[in-house]
Amino acid sequence: MRGFGETKTRLLRSLSKQGVATIIVAPATNRRTQMGELTDKAKAAGNKAAGSIKEAVGKATDNEELEAEGKAQQVKGSAQDVSGTVKGKLGDDV
């Protein structure tokens, strides 16, 4: 089975030989990359919010374990945010 790129190249060569002008329009971003970026950023926001709530409840109830869990979840959210940003910057190279 031929890949899409090879099939597209053969089609363009064939059209060129027939004297047909071709215009190629490429999407601005890869949909998978864009969705990966948005997914990571959404998860990051959720983890930061949940972590903040856990930390506040832990402080209010003098529950050091819950407070620490909240801080850790916020760090996880920050890491996901960075991951989403990197995916967005790299685009198709991810």
Protein backbone atom coordinates (compact mmCIF):
# COMPACT_ATOMS: atom_id res chain seq x y z
CA MET A 1 0.00 0.00 0.00
CA ARG A 2 1.38 3.39 -0.96
CA GLY A 3 1.61 6.19 1.55
CA PHE A 4 -0.35 9.38 1.06
CA GLY A 5 2.78 11.40 0.33
CA GLU A 6 3.86 9.11 -2.51
CA THR A 7 0.37 9.09 -4.04
CA LYS A 8 0.14 12.88 -3.82
CA THR A 9 3.56 13.25 -5.50
CA ARG A 10 2.54 10.96 -8.40
CA LEU A 11 -0.72 12.87 -8.85
CA LEU A 12 1.06 16.22 -8.94
CA ARG A 13 3.59 14.93 -11.50
CA SER A 14 0.80 13.58 -13.68
CA LEU A 15 -1.11 16.87 -13.57
CA SER A 16 2.08 18.79 -14.32
CA LYS A 17 2.76 16.65 -17.41
CA GLN A 18 -0.77 17.38 -18.62
CA GLY A 19 -0.19 21.12 -18.29
CA VAL A 20 -2.62 21.54 -15.41
CA ALA A 21 -1.69 24.22 -12.92
CA THR A 22 -1.81 23.00 -9.33
CA ILE A 23 -2.06 24.87 -6.08
CA ILE A 24 -1.14 23.12 -2.86
CA VAL A 25 -2.71 24.34 0.35
CA ALA A 26 -1.27 22.83 3.50
CA PRO A 27 -2.93 23.06 6.91
CA ALA A 28 -1.31 25.54 9.29
CA THR A 29 -0.84 22.95 12.04
CA ASN A 30 -1.05 19.25 12.48
CA ARG A 31 -4.40 18.48 14.12
CA ARG A 32 -2.90 15.82 16.38
CA THR A 33 -0.25 18.23 17.63
CA GLN A 34 -2.80 20.97 18.16
CA MET A 35 -5.09 18.61 20.07
CA GLY A 36 -2.13 17.34 22.11
CA GLU A 37 -1.29 20.90 23.07
CA LEU A 38 -4.88 21.75 23.99
CA THR A 39 -5.36 18.49 25.88
CA ASP A 40 -2.20 19.03 27.91
CA LYS A 41 -3.13 22.62 28.71
CA ALA A 42 -6.67 21.60 29.76
CA LYS A 43 -5.34 18.82 31.99
CA ALA A 44 -2.81 21.27 33.42
CA ALA A 45 -5.53 23.76 34.34
CA GLY A 46 -7.57 21.00 36.01
CA ASN A 47 -4.62 19.70 38.01
CA LYS A 48 -3.59 23.19 39.10
CA ALA A 49 -7.13 24.01 40.27
CA ALA A 50 -7.65 20.68 42.04
CA GLY A 51 -4.22 20.93 43.64
CA SER A 52 -4.93 24.43 44.86
CA ILE A 53 -8.20 23.30 46.44
CA LYS A 54 -6.56 20.29 48.09
CA GLU A 55 -3.77 22.47 49.44
CA ALA A 56 -6.27 25.01 50.87
CA VAL A 57 -8.40 22.31 52.46
CA GLY A 58 -5.27 20.65 53.87
CA LYS A 59 -4.17 23.94 55.44
CA ALA A 60 -7.65 24.65 56.83
CA THR A 61 -7.94 21.21 58.41
CA ASP A 62 -4.29 20.91 59.49
CA ASN A 63 -3.95 17.88 57.20
CA GLU A 64 -0.31 18.01 56.09
CA GLU A 65 -0.71 14.98 53.82
CA LEU A 66 -3.58 16.56 51.85
CA GLU A 67 -1.69 19.85 51.68
CA ALA A 68 1.38 18.08 50.27
CA GLU A 69 -0.79 16.16 47.80
CA GLY A 70 -2.26 19.44 46.60
CA LYS A 71 1.18 20.99 46.10
CA ALA A 72 2.32 17.90 44.17
CA GLN A 73 -0.76 18.05 41.95
CA GLN A 74 -0.05 21.72 41.19
CA VAL A 75 3.51 20.80 40.17
CA LYS A 76 2.08 18.08 37.92
CA GLY A 77 -0.21 20.68 36.35
CA SER A 78 2.73 23.02 35.75
CA ALA A 79 4.64 20.21 34.03
CA GLN A 80 1.64 19.45 31.80
CA ASP A 81 1.41 23.13 30.93
CA VAL A 82 5.05 23.16 29.86
CA SER A 83 4.49 19.98 27.86
CA GLY A 84 1.57 21.57 26.03
CA THR A 85 3.59 24.69 25.30
CA VAL A 86 6.46 22.61 23.91
CA LYS A 87 4.08 20.62 21.71
CA GLY A 88 2.63 23.86 20.40
CA LYS A 89 6.06 25.32 19.60
CA LEU A 90 7.38 22.19 17.91
CA GLY A 91 4.26 21.65 15.82
CA ASP A 92 4.72 18.77 13.38
CA ASP A 93 8.13 17.86 14.82
CA VAL A 94 6.63 16.16 17.92
